[in-house]
Amino acid sequence: DGYRYFLEVWGAKVYHADVWNKEATISEQLFVVCERPEAECHPTSDPKAEVANFGMSKIVNEWNIGGIRLYKLEHADKDR
């Protein structure tokens, strides 16, 4: 939630995924921050609601920034 706060302060559009209102709240991409060791980061199967509500996904890019992993996810099925 700390990351979300700063994104909002900096003017980024932040969605709050709602599976009952997918068209308005789920975008084509999702960025996931993982502060755990890389071996423990599984962003495509994370049970946290913000990630799970995005739906089936695939990793399209990832970065290691100061020991923190940042993943860019897209929908596994583009025709969702």
N, C-alpha and C. Protein backbone atom coordinates (compact mmCIF):
# COMPACT_ATOMS: atom_id res chain seq x y z
N ASP A 1 0.81 -1.20 0.00
CA ASP A 1 0.00 0.00 0.00
C ASP A 1 0.85 1.26 0.00
N GLY A 2 2.06 1.17 0.53
CA GLY A 2 2.96 2.32 0.50
C GLY A 2 3.32 2.73 -0.91
N TYR A 3 3.52 1.75 -1.77
CA TYR A 3 3.85 2.06 -3.17
C TYR A 3 2.66 2.72 -3.85
N ARG A 4 1.47 2.23 -3.59
CA ARG A 4 0.25 2.80 -4.17
C ARG A 4 0.11 4.26 -3.76
N TYR A 5 0.38 4.55 -2.50
CA TYR A 5 0.28 5.92 -2.00
C TYR A 5 1.16 6.86 -2.82
N PHE A 6 2.43 6.49 -3.01
CA PHE A 6 3.34 7.36 -3.75
C PHE A 6 2.96 7.47 -5.22
N LEU A 7 2.48 6.40 -5.81
CA LEU A 7 2.02 6.49 -7.20
C LEU A 7 0.88 7.49 -7.32
N GLU A 8 -0.05 7.46 -6.39
CA GLU A 8 -1.17 8.40 -6.41
C GLU A 8 -0.69 9.83 -6.18
N VAL A 9 0.23 10.02 -5.24
CA VAL A 9 0.77 11.35 -4.97
C VAL A 9 1.46 11.91 -6.22
N TRP A 10 2.15 11.05 -6.96
CA TRP A 10 2.87 11.47 -8.17
C TRP A 10 1.96 11.56 -9.39
N GLY A 11 0.65 11.35 -9.20
CA GLY A 11 -0.30 11.55 -10.28
C GLY A 11 -0.58 10.35 -11.16
N ALA A 12 -0.09 9.19 -10.81
CA ALA A 12 -0.35 7.99 -11.62
C ALA A 12 -1.78 7.51 -11.40
N LYS A 13 -2.37 6.97 -12.44
CA LYS A 13 -3.72 6.40 -12.31
C LYS A 13 -3.58 5.01 -11.71
N VAL A 14 -4.15 4.83 -10.54
CA VAL A 14 -4.07 3.55 -9.82
C VAL A 14 -5.46 2.93 -9.79
N TYR A 15 -5.56 1.72 -10.28
CA TYR A 15 -6.84 1.00 -10.28
C TYR A 15 -6.94 0.13 -9.04
N HIS A 16 -8.14 -0.05 -8.56
CA HIS A 16 -8.43 -0.98 -7.47
C HIS A 16 -9.29 -2.08 -8.09
N ALA A 17 -8.66 -3.21 -8.40
CA ALA A 17 -9.32 -4.28 -9.15
C ALA A 17 -10.58 -4.78 -8.46
N ASP A 18 -11.64 -4.82 -9.23
CA ASP A 18 -12.94 -5.31 -8.76
C ASP A 18 -13.44 -6.32 -9.79
N VAL A 19 -13.47 -7.59 -9.43
CA VAL A 19 -13.88 -8.62 -10.39
C VAL A 19 -15.33 -8.46 -10.85
N TRP A 20 -16.13 -7.71 -10.12
CA TRP A 20 -17.52 -7.48 -10.51
C TRP A 20 -17.65 -6.30 -11.46
N ASN A 21 -16.57 -5.55 -11.64
CA ASN A 21 -16.56 -4.40 -12.55
C ASN A 21 -15.25 -4.39 -13.33
N LYS A 22 -14.97 -5.48 -14.02
CA LYS A 22 -13.69 -5.67 -14.69
C LYS A 22 -13.38 -4.58 -15.71
N GLU A 23 -14.34 -4.22 -16.52
CA GLU A 23 -14.08 -3.26 -17.60
C GLU A 23 -13.57 -1.92 -17.07
N ALA A 24 -14.04 -1.50 -15.93
CA ALA A 24 -13.66 -0.19 -15.39
C ALA A 24 -12.47 -0.25 -14.44
N THR A 25 -12.15 -1.44 -13.92
CA THR A 25 -11.15 -1.48 -12.85
C THR A 25 -9.94 -2.37 -13.12
N ILE A 26 -9.94 -3.12 -14.21
CA ILE A 26 -8.81 -4.00 -14.49
C ILE A 26 -8.19 -3.58 -15.81
N SER A 27 -6.93 -3.19 -15.78
CA SER A 27 -6.24 -2.69 -16.96
C SER A 27 -5.58 -3.84 -17.73
N GLU A 28 -4.85 -3.49 -18.77
CA GLU A 28 -4.17 -4.49 -19.59
C GLU A 28 -2.84 -4.94 -18.99
N GLN A 29 -2.37 -4.22 -17.99
CA GLN A 29 -1.10 -4.58 -17.36
C GLN A 29 -1.19 -4.36 -15.86
N LEU A 30 -0.32 -5.07 -15.16
CA LEU A 30 -0.26 -4.95 -13.70
C LEU A 30 1.20 -4.99 -13.29
N PHE A 31 1.61 -4.05 -12.46
CA PHE A 31 2.96 -4.06 -11.91
C PHE A 31 2.88 -4.59 -10.49
N VAL A 32 3.72 -5.57 -10.19
CA VAL A 32 3.73 -6.22 -8.88
C VAL A 32 5.11 -6.03 -8.26
N VAL A 33 5.14 -5.55 -7.02
CA VAL A 33 6.39 -5.38 -6.28
C VAL A 33 6.53 -6.56 -5.32
N CYS A 34 7.72 -7.16 -5.31
CA CYS A 34 7.99 -8.26 -4.38
C CYS A 34 9.25 -7.91 -3.59
N GLU A 35 9.11 -7.84 -2.28
CA GLU A 35 10.23 -7.51 -1.41
C GLU A 35 10.87 -8.76 -0.81
N ARG A 36 10.34 -9.93 -1.13
CA ARG A 36 10.90 -11.19 -0.63
C ARG A 36 12.07 -11.62 -1.51
N PRO A 37 12.85 -12.61 -1.08
CA PRO A 37 13.90 -13.14 -1.95
C PRO A 37 13.30 -13.62 -3.27
N GLU A 38 14.07 -13.52 -4.34
CA GLU A 38 13.56 -13.85 -5.67
C GLU A 38 12.90 -15.22 -5.74
N ALA A 39 13.48 -16.21 -5.06
CA ALA A 39 12.93 -17.57 -5.09
C ALA A 39 11.53 -17.64 -4.47
N GLU A 40 11.16 -16.65 -3.68
CA GLU A 40 9.84 -16.63 -3.04
C GLU A 40 8.84 -15.73 -3.75
N CYS A 41 9.25 -15.12 -4.85
CA CYS A 41 8.37 -14.23 -5.61
C CYS A 41 7.66 -15.02 -6.71
N HIS A 42 6.35 -15.07 -6.63
CA HIS A 42 5.53 -15.78 -7.61
C HIS A 42 4.34 -14.89 -7.99
N PRO A 43 4.59 -13.82 -8.73
CA PRO A 43 3.52 -12.84 -8.97
C PRO A 43 2.33 -13.36 -9.76
N THR A 44 2.52 -14.39 -10.57
CA THR A 44 1.38 -14.89 -11.36
C THR A 44 0.45 -15.77 -10.55
N SER A 45 0.88 -16.18 -9.36
CA SER A 45 0.01 -17.02 -8.52
C SER A 45 -0.14 -16.46 -7.11
N ASP A 46 0.13 -15.17 -6.95
CA ASP A 46 0.02 -14.53 -5.64
C ASP A 46 -1.45 -14.49 -5.22
N PRO A 47 -1.78 -14.95 -4.00
CA PRO A 47 -3.17 -14.97 -3.56
C PRO A 47 -3.71 -13.61 -3.12
N LYS A 48 -2.86 -12.60 -3.02
CA LYS A 48 -3.32 -11.28 -2.61
C LYS A 48 -4.39 -10.79 -3.59
N ALA A 49 -5.49 -10.27 -3.07
CA ALA A 49 -6.64 -9.90 -3.90
C ALA A 49 -6.27 -8.98 -5.05
N GLU A 50 -5.42 -8.01 -4.82
CA GLU A 50 -5.06 -7.06 -5.86
C GLU A 50 -4.41 -7.76 -7.06
N VAL A 51 -3.73 -8.87 -6.80
CA VAL A 51 -3.07 -9.62 -7.87
C VAL A 51 -4.03 -10.68 -8.43
N ALA A 52 -4.67 -11.42 -7.56
CA ALA A 52 -5.57 -12.49 -7.99
C ALA A 52 -6.73 -11.95 -8.83
N ASN A 53 -7.25 -10.79 -8.49
CA ASN A 53 -8.38 -10.22 -9.23
C ASN A 53 -8.01 -9.81 -10.65
N PHE A 54 -6.72 -9.66 -10.93
CA PHE A 54 -6.26 -9.34 -12.28
C PHE A 54 -6.55 -10.49 -13.23
N GLY A 55 -6.58 -11.70 -12.70
CA GLY A 55 -6.87 -12.88 -13.52
C GLY A 55 -5.60 -13.61 -13.93
N MET A 56 -5.75 -14.58 -14.80
CA MET A 56 -4.61 -15.36 -15.28
C MET A 56 -3.63 -14.41 -15.97
N SER A 57 -2.36 -14.53 -15.60
CA SER A 57 -1.38 -13.58 -16.12
C SER A 57 -0.08 -14.27 -16.50
N LYS A 58 0.75 -13.50 -17.18
CA LYS A 58 2.09 -13.95 -17.52
C LYS A 58 3.05 -12.79 -17.27
N ILE A 59 4.28 -13.12 -16.93
CA ILE A 59 5.31 -12.10 -16.71
C ILE A 59 5.85 -11.69 -18.07
N VAL A 60 5.81 -10.39 -18.37
CA VAL A 60 6.35 -9.90 -19.64
C VAL A 60 7.65 -9.14 -19.45
N ASN A 61 7.93 -8.73 -18.21
CA ASN A 61 9.20 -8.08 -17.92
C ASN A 61 9.41 -8.09 -16.41
N GLU A 62 10.65 -7.98 -16.01
CA GLU A 62 10.96 -7.90 -14.57
C GLU A 62 12.27 -7.15 -14.38
N TRP A 63 12.35 -6.49 -13.24
CA TRP A 63 13.52 -5.69 -12.90
C TRP A 63 13.91 -5.95 -11.46
N ASN A 64 15.19 -5.85 -11.17
CA ASN A 64 15.70 -5.91 -9.80
C ASN A 64 16.19 -4.51 -9.48
N ILE A 65 15.52 -3.85 -8.55
CA ILE A 65 15.84 -2.47 -8.21
C ILE A 65 16.19 -2.42 -6.74
N GLY A 66 17.46 -2.33 -6.44
CA GLY A 66 17.89 -2.24 -5.04
C GLY A 66 17.45 -3.42 -4.20
N GLY A 67 17.42 -4.61 -4.77
CA GLY A 67 17.02 -5.79 -4.02
C GLY A 67 15.53 -6.06 -4.00
N ILE A 68 14.76 -5.20 -4.65
CA ILE A 68 13.31 -5.38 -4.76
C ILE A 68 13.00 -5.80 -6.19
N ARG A 69 12.14 -6.79 -6.35
CA ARG A 69 11.74 -7.26 -7.67
C ARG A 69 10.48 -6.53 -8.11
N LEU A 70 10.50 -6.04 -9.34
CA LEU A 70 9.33 -5.41 -9.94
C LEU A 70 8.97 -6.21 -11.17
N TYR A 71 7.73 -6.67 -11.22
CA TYR A 71 7.25 -7.49 -12.33
C TYR A 71 6.17 -6.75 -13.10
N LYS A 72 6.23 -6.86 -14.42
CA LYS A 72 5.15 -6.35 -15.26
C LYS A 72 4.39 -7.57 -15.76
N LEU A 73 3.11 -7.62 -15.44
CA LEU A 73 2.26 -8.73 -15.86
C LEU A 73 1.26 -8.25 -16.91
N GLU A 74 0.91 -9.16 -17.80
CA GLU A 74 -0.18 -8.94 -18.74
C GLU A 74 -1.09 -10.16 -18.66
N HIS A 75 -2.28 -10.02 -19.18
CA HIS A 75 -3.23 -11.13 -19.15
C HIS A 75 -2.70 -12.28 -20.00
N ALA A 76 -2.82 -13.50 -19.49
CA ALA A 76 -2.36 -14.68 -20.23
C ALA A 76 -3.20 -14.86 -21.49
N ASP A 77 -4.46 -14.51 -21.41
CA ASP A 77 -5.37 -14.59 -22.55
C ASP A 77 -5.74 -13.17 -22.93
N LYS A 78 -5.13 -12.66 -23.98
CA LYS A 78 -5.36 -11.27 -24.38
C LYS A 78 -6.82 -10.99 -24.75
N ASP A 79 -7.58 -12.03 -25.08
CA ASP A 79 -8.97 -11.84 -25.50
C ASP A 79 -9.95 -11.91 -24.34
N ARG A 80 -9.45 -11.83 -23.13
CA ARG A 80 -10.28 -11.98 -21.94
C ARG A 80 -11.57 -11.31 -22.15
